[in-house]
Amino acid sequence: MSPDELLALGASTDIPTSCRALGISPSSGYAQAKKGEFPVRVIRGGSRYVVPTAGLLDLLGIERPVTSGAA
């Protein structure tokens, strides 16, 4: 995935997308998440895994653009 694609993900993403960014297989990613060994923080909600995009960007060394707040 390109940095622009990663920055466009929003606040969170799923395991398959995270795995694609990290260059690992989704089955390996799910196994790591289940064991608590995924390379970035994973939040489990029922049977769903959610990966906060901020941790993924930090791990990959991609800086988020600075945005100015509304006045």
C-alpha atoms as a PDB file:
ATOM      1  CA  MET A   1       0.000   0.000   0.000  1.00  0.00           C
ATOM      2  CA  SER A   2       1.170   3.496  -0.699  1.00  0.00           C
ATOM      3  CA  PRO A   3       1.424   6.109   2.048  1.00  0.00           C
ATOM      4  CA  ASP A   4      -1.479   7.981   0.450  1.00  0.00           C
ATOM      5  CA  GLU A   5      -3.654   4.858   0.599  1.00  0.00           C
ATOM      6  CA  LEU A   6      -2.778   4.387   4.264  1.00  0.00           C
ATOM      7  CA  LEU A   7      -3.506   8.022   5.103  1.00  0.00           C
ATOM      8  CA  ALA A   8      -6.916   7.703   3.420  1.00  0.00           C
ATOM      9  CA  LEU A   9      -8.007   4.812   5.668  1.00  0.00           C
ATOM     10  CA  GLY A  10      -9.638   6.905   8.370  1.00  0.00           C
ATOM     11  CA  ALA A  11      -9.402   6.271  12.099  1.00  0.00           C
ATOM     12  CA  SER A  12      -9.343   2.473  11.917  1.00  0.00           C
ATOM     13  CA  THR A  13      -9.140  -0.436   9.527  1.00  0.00           C
ATOM     14  CA  ASP A  14      -9.478  -4.208   9.481  1.00  0.00           C
ATOM     15  CA  ILE A  15      -6.941  -7.019   9.789  1.00  0.00           C
ATOM     16  CA  PRO A  16      -6.743  -7.852   6.033  1.00  0.00           C
ATOM     17  CA  THR A  17      -5.990  -4.224   5.128  1.00  0.00           C
ATOM     18  CA  SER A  18      -3.434  -3.940   7.933  1.00  0.00           C
ATOM     19  CA  CYS A  19      -1.794  -7.159   6.778  1.00  0.00           C
ATOM     20  CA  ARG A  20      -1.558  -5.856   3.227  1.00  0.00           C
ATOM     21  CA  ALA A  21       0.182  -2.730   4.542  1.00  0.00           C
ATOM     22  CA  LEU A  22       2.569  -4.815   6.640  1.00  0.00           C
ATOM     23  CA  GLY A  23       3.282  -7.426   3.970  1.00  0.00           C
ATOM     24  CA  ILE A  24       1.948 -10.388   5.939  1.00  0.00           C
ATOM     25  CA  SER A  25      -0.818 -12.837   5.089  1.00  0.00           C
ATOM     26  CA  PRO A  26      -4.276 -12.251   6.564  1.00  0.00           C
ATOM     27  CA  SER A  27      -4.311 -15.741   8.094  1.00  0.00           C
ATOM     28  CA  SER A  28      -1.039 -14.982   9.870  1.00  0.00           C
ATOM     29  CA  GLY A  29      -2.418 -11.608  10.953  1.00  0.00           C
ATOM     30  CA  TYR A  30      -5.562 -13.141  12.433  1.00  0.00           C
ATOM     31  CA  ALA A  31      -3.477 -15.776  14.241  1.00  0.00           C
ATOM     32  CA  GLN A  32      -1.207 -13.057  15.676  1.00  0.00           C
ATOM     33  CA  ALA A  33      -4.192 -10.922  16.708  1.00  0.00           C
ATOM     34  CA  LYS A  34      -5.824 -13.887  18.426  1.00  0.00           C
ATOM     35  CA  LYS A  35      -2.622 -14.492  20.436  1.00  0.00           C
ATOM     36  CA  GLY A  36      -2.155 -10.781  21.192  1.00  0.00           C
ATOM     37  CA  GLU A  37       1.000 -10.675  19.038  1.00  0.00           C
ATOM     38  CA  PHE A  38      -0.093  -8.458  16.134  1.00  0.00           C
ATOM     39  CA  PRO A  39       2.593  -5.790  15.484  1.00  0.00           C
ATOM     40  CA  VAL A  40       0.203  -2.937  16.372  1.00  0.00           C
ATOM     41  CA  ARG A  41      -2.679  -2.543  18.811  1.00  0.00           C
ATOM     42  CA  VAL A  42      -5.817  -4.458  17.883  1.00  0.00           C
ATOM     43  CA  ILE A  43      -9.222  -3.858  19.439  1.00  0.00           C
ATOM     44  CA  ARG A  44     -11.549  -6.830  19.516  1.00  0.00           C
ATOM     45  CA  GLY A  45     -15.274  -6.234  19.422  1.00  0.00           C
ATOM     46  CA  GLY A  46     -17.099  -9.548  19.524  1.00  0.00           C
ATOM     47  CA  SER A  47     -15.778 -11.526  16.589  1.00  0.00           C
ATOM     48  CA  ARG A  48     -14.428  -8.425  14.817  1.00  0.00           C
ATOM     49  CA  TYR A  49     -10.898  -7.065  15.012  1.00  0.00           C
ATOM     50  CA  VAL A  50     -10.286  -3.334  14.525  1.00  0.00           C
ATOM     51  CA  VAL A  51      -6.836  -1.838  14.014  1.00  0.00           C
ATOM     52  CA  PRO A  52      -6.400   1.863  14.864  1.00  0.00           C
ATOM     53  CA  THR A  53      -4.743   3.452  11.858  1.00  0.00           C
ATOM     54  CA  ALA A  54      -2.511   5.705  13.994  1.00  0.00           C
ATOM     55  CA  GLY A  55      -0.523   2.737  15.298  1.00  0.00           C
ATOM     56  CA  LEU A  56      -0.133   1.317  11.820  1.00  0.00           C
ATOM     57  CA  LEU A  57       1.133   4.648  10.475  1.00  0.00           C
ATOM     58  CA  ASP A  58       3.552   5.012  13.397  1.00  0.00           C
ATOM     59  CA  LEU A  59       4.962   1.515  12.876  1.00  0.00           C
ATOM     60  CA  LEU A  60       5.484   2.194   9.177  1.00  0.00           C
ATOM     61  CA  GLY A  61       7.030   5.629   9.816  1.00  0.00           C
ATOM     62  CA  ILE A  62       4.337   7.533   7.939  1.00  0.00           C
ATOM     63  CA  GLU A  63       3.642  10.982   9.334  1.00  0.00           C
ATOM     64  CA  ARG A  64       0.100  12.238   9.389  1.00  0.00           C
ATOM     65  CA  PRO A  65      -0.313  15.671   7.818  1.00  0.00           C
ATOM     66  CA  VAL A  66      -0.849  18.498  10.271  1.00  0.00           C
ATOM     67  CA  THR A  67      -4.278  20.040   9.964  1.00  0.00           C
ATOM     68  CA  SER A  68      -5.284  23.397  11.323  1.00  0.00           C
ATOM     69  CA  GLY A  69      -8.365  23.640  13.491  1.00  0.00           C
ATOM     70  CA  ALA A  70     -11.308  25.838  12.623  1.00  0.00           C
ATOM     71  CA  ALA A  71     -11.191  29.288  14.166  1.00  0.00           C
END
